Amino acid sequence: MSRQFGNLIKQAQALQEKMMRLQAELEAREFEGQSGGGMVKAVVNGKLMLLSLRIEKEAITPDDPEMLEDLVLAAIKSAQEKAGNTIKEEMNKITGGMGLNIPGLF
């Protein structure tokens, strides 16, 4: 095995370790999204899984359930977008902006 190849393997292993650490850190983080001026709040983790949903009573209108449905979806989408953007930014820092898209990672 050549010295260059050995160095390349070491660099790849170091990158993999950094990515694994980042993945664990981001999975533990929480990201909040809201809609309706804060009447509906959603929290997701770094895996984009919904952790909590809070709905203020003022957002509940029995004769217009579609409005509440829209507010809930918008809050969840907002939280997921924040998480996704953070994940992308942090991955770009590690990969030097190479835009690696590795299946199964995030």
C-alpha atoms as a PDB file:
ATOM      1  CA  MET A   1       0.000   0.000   0.000  1.00  0.00           C
ATOM      2  CA  SER A   2       1.437   3.344  -1.005  1.00  0.00           C
ATOM      3  CA  ARG A   3       1.916   6.172   1.456  1.00  0.00           C
ATOM      4  CA  GLN A   4      -0.566   8.359  -0.463  1.00  0.00           C
ATOM      5  CA  PHE A   5      -3.193   5.656  -0.370  1.00  0.00           C
ATOM      6  CA  GLY A   6      -2.620   5.174   3.353  1.00  0.00           C
ATOM      7  CA  ASN A   7      -3.045   8.911   3.936  1.00  0.00           C
ATOM      8  CA  LEU A   8      -6.217   8.902   1.876  1.00  0.00           C
ATOM      9  CA  ILE A   9      -7.627   6.072   3.990  1.00  0.00           C
ATOM     10  CA  LYS A  10      -6.765   7.963   7.188  1.00  0.00           C
ATOM     11  CA  GLN A  11      -8.458  11.108   5.878  1.00  0.00           C
ATOM     12  CA  ALA A  12     -11.548   9.133   4.922  1.00  0.00           C
ATOM     13  CA  GLN A  13     -11.694   7.541   8.369  1.00  0.00           C
ATOM     14  CA  ALA A  14     -11.322  10.937  10.065  1.00  0.00           C
ATOM     15  CA  LEU A  15     -14.109  12.358   7.888  1.00  0.00           C
ATOM     16  CA  GLN A  16     -16.318   9.396   8.712  1.00  0.00           C
ATOM     17  CA  GLU A  17     -15.715   9.881  12.452  1.00  0.00           C
ATOM     18  CA  LYS A  18     -16.557  13.591  12.204  1.00  0.00           C
ATOM     19  CA  MET A  19     -19.724  12.824  10.281  1.00  0.00           C
ATOM     20  CA  MET A  20     -20.813  10.188  12.811  1.00  0.00           C
ATOM     21  CA  ARG A  21     -20.237  12.641  15.689  1.00  0.00           C
ATOM     22  CA  LEU A  22     -22.148  15.355  13.866  1.00  0.00           C
ATOM     23  CA  GLN A  23     -25.006  12.997  13.117  1.00  0.00           C
ATOM     24  CA  ALA A  24     -25.326  12.059  16.792  1.00  0.00           C
ATOM     25  CA  GLU A  25     -25.153  15.709  17.873  1.00  0.00           C
ATOM     26  CA  LEU A  26     -27.790  16.827  15.381  1.00  0.00           C
ATOM     27  CA  GLU A  27     -30.113  13.939  16.167  1.00  0.00           C
ATOM     28  CA  ALA A  28     -30.128  15.093  19.791  1.00  0.00           C
ATOM     29  CA  ARG A  29     -30.923  18.717  18.891  1.00  0.00           C
ATOM     30  CA  GLU A  30     -34.425  20.143  18.766  1.00  0.00           C
ATOM     31  CA  PHE A  31     -35.753  22.530  16.144  1.00  0.00           C
ATOM     32  CA  GLU A  32     -38.933  24.567  16.598  1.00  0.00           C
ATOM     33  CA  GLY A  33     -41.266  25.807  13.915  1.00  0.00           C
ATOM     34  CA  GLN A  34     -44.393  27.837  14.364  1.00  0.00           C
ATOM     35  CA  SER A  35     -47.352  29.190  12.480  1.00  0.00           C
ATOM     36  CA  GLY A  36     -50.329  31.425  13.092  1.00  0.00           C
ATOM     37  CA  GLY A  37     -48.198  33.983  14.883  1.00  0.00           C
ATOM     38  CA  GLY A  38     -47.007  31.360  17.342  1.00  0.00           C
ATOM     39  CA  MET A  39     -50.428  29.840  18.019  1.00  0.00           C
ATOM     40  CA  VAL A  40     -49.133  26.473  16.788  1.00  0.00           C
ATOM     41  CA  LYS A  41     -45.619  25.273  17.620  1.00  0.00           C
ATOM     42  CA  ALA A  42     -43.941  22.067  16.518  1.00  0.00           C
ATOM     43  CA  VAL A  43     -40.634  20.625  17.668  1.00  0.00           C
ATOM     44  CA  VAL A  44     -38.656  18.061  15.667  1.00  0.00           C
ATOM     45  CA  ASN A  45     -35.296  16.438  16.259  1.00  0.00           C
ATOM     46  CA  GLY A  46     -32.379  16.065  13.878  1.00  0.00           C
ATOM     47  CA  LYS A  47     -33.989  12.946  12.417  1.00  0.00           C
ATOM     48  CA  LEU A  48     -36.942  15.196  11.465  1.00  0.00           C
ATOM     49  CA  MET A  49     -39.195  13.261  13.832  1.00  0.00           C
ATOM     50  CA  LEU A  50     -41.975  15.232  15.521  1.00  0.00           C
ATOM     51  CA  LEU A  51     -41.280  15.473  19.255  1.00  0.00           C
ATOM     52  CA  SER A  52     -44.034  17.807  20.385  1.00  0.00           C
ATOM     53  CA  LEU A  53     -46.897  19.906  19.146  1.00  0.00           C
ATOM     54  CA  ARG A  54     -48.460  22.788  21.053  1.00  0.00           C
ATOM     55  CA  ILE A  55     -51.719  24.401  19.997  1.00  0.00           C
ATOM     56  CA  GLU A  56     -53.038  27.508  21.715  1.00  0.00           C
ATOM     57  CA  LYS A  57     -56.776  27.375  22.355  1.00  0.00           C
ATOM     58  CA  GLU A  58     -57.261  30.503  20.229  1.00  0.00           C
ATOM     59  CA  ALA A  59     -56.199  28.461  17.186  1.00  0.00           C
ATOM     60  CA  ILE A  60     -59.040  26.001  17.669  1.00  0.00           C
ATOM     61  CA  THR A  61     -62.131  26.985  15.715  1.00  0.00           C
ATOM     62  CA  PRO A  62     -64.667  24.137  15.693  1.00  0.00           C
ATOM     63  CA  ASP A  63     -66.380  25.362  12.532  1.00  0.00           C
ATOM     64  CA  ASP A  64     -63.077  25.589  10.583  1.00  0.00           C
ATOM     65  CA  PRO A  65     -60.962  22.469  11.244  1.00  0.00           C
ATOM     66  CA  GLU A  66     -59.135  22.926   7.917  1.00  0.00           C
ATOM     67  CA  MET A  67     -57.519  26.119   9.200  1.00  0.00           C
ATOM     68  CA  LEU A  68     -56.087  24.284  12.225  1.00  0.00           C
ATOM     69  CA  GLU A  69     -54.890  21.457  10.000  1.00  0.00           C
ATOM     70  CA  ASP A  70     -53.071  23.982   7.805  1.00  0.00           C
ATOM     71  CA  LEU A  71     -51.496  25.659  10.841  1.00  0.00           C
ATOM     72  CA  VAL A  72     -50.286  22.326  12.217  1.00  0.00           C
ATOM     73  CA  LEU A  73     -48.779  21.289   8.891  1.00  0.00           C
ATOM     74  CA  ALA A  74     -47.108  24.678   8.454  1.00  0.00           C
ATOM     75  CA  ALA A  75     -45.541  24.542  11.928  1.00  0.00           C
ATOM     76  CA  ILE A  76     -44.216  21.014  11.368  1.00  0.00           C
ATOM     77  CA  LYS A  77     -42.863  21.921   7.935  1.00  0.00           C
ATOM     78  CA  SER A  78     -41.153  25.001   9.380  1.00  0.00           C
ATOM     79  CA  ALA A  79     -39.439  22.938  12.086  1.00  0.00           C
ATOM     80  CA  GLN A  80     -38.349  20.292   9.588  1.00  0.00           C
ATOM     81  CA  GLU A  81     -36.948  22.936   7.232  1.00  0.00           C
ATOM     82  CA  LYS A  82     -34.932  24.488  10.074  1.00  0.00           C
ATOM     83  CA  ALA A  83     -33.540  21.074  10.959  1.00  0.00           C
ATOM     84  CA  GLY A  84     -32.794  20.223   7.337  1.00  0.00           C
ATOM     85  CA  ASN A  85     -31.035  23.537   6.698  1.00  0.00           C
ATOM     86  CA  THR A  86     -28.920  23.147   9.830  1.00  0.00           C
ATOM     87  CA  ILE A  87     -27.967  19.599   8.875  1.00  0.00           C
ATOM     88  CA  LYS A  88     -26.982  20.727   5.382  1.00  0.00           C
ATOM     89  CA  GLU A  89     -24.912  23.647   6.703  1.00  0.00           C
ATOM     90  CA  GLU A  90     -23.084  21.495   9.243  1.00  0.00           C
ATOM     91  CA  MET A  91     -22.382  18.762   6.685  1.00  0.00           C
ATOM     92  CA  ASN A  92     -20.977  21.347   4.274  1.00  0.00           C
ATOM     93  CA  LYS A  93     -18.610  22.548   7.003  1.00  0.00           C
ATOM     94  CA  ILE A  94     -17.255  19.034   7.476  1.00  0.00           C
ATOM     95  CA  THR A  95     -17.072  18.099   3.803  1.00  0.00           C
ATOM     96  CA  GLY A  96     -15.713  21.445   2.706  1.00  0.00           C
ATOM     97  CA  GLY A  97     -18.838  22.104   0.663  1.00  0.00           C
ATOM     98  CA  MET A  98     -18.353  19.029  -1.500  1.00  0.00           C
ATOM     99  CA  GLY A  99     -22.072  18.396  -1.143  1.00  0.00           C
ATOM    100  CA  LEU A 100     -21.719  14.770  -0.228  1.00  0.00           C
ATOM    101  CA  ASN A 101     -25.029  12.969  -0.324  1.00  0.00           C
ATOM    102  CA  ILE A 102     -24.414   9.700   1.434  1.00  0.00           C
ATOM    103  CA  PRO A 103     -27.456   7.399   1.617  1.00  0.00           C
ATOM    104  CA  GLY A 104     -28.458   6.543   5.167  1.00  0.00           C
ATOM    105  CA  LEU A 105     -26.662   9.514   6.673  1.00  0.00           C
ATOM    106  CA  PHE A 106     -29.297  12.029   7.741  1.00  0.00           C
END
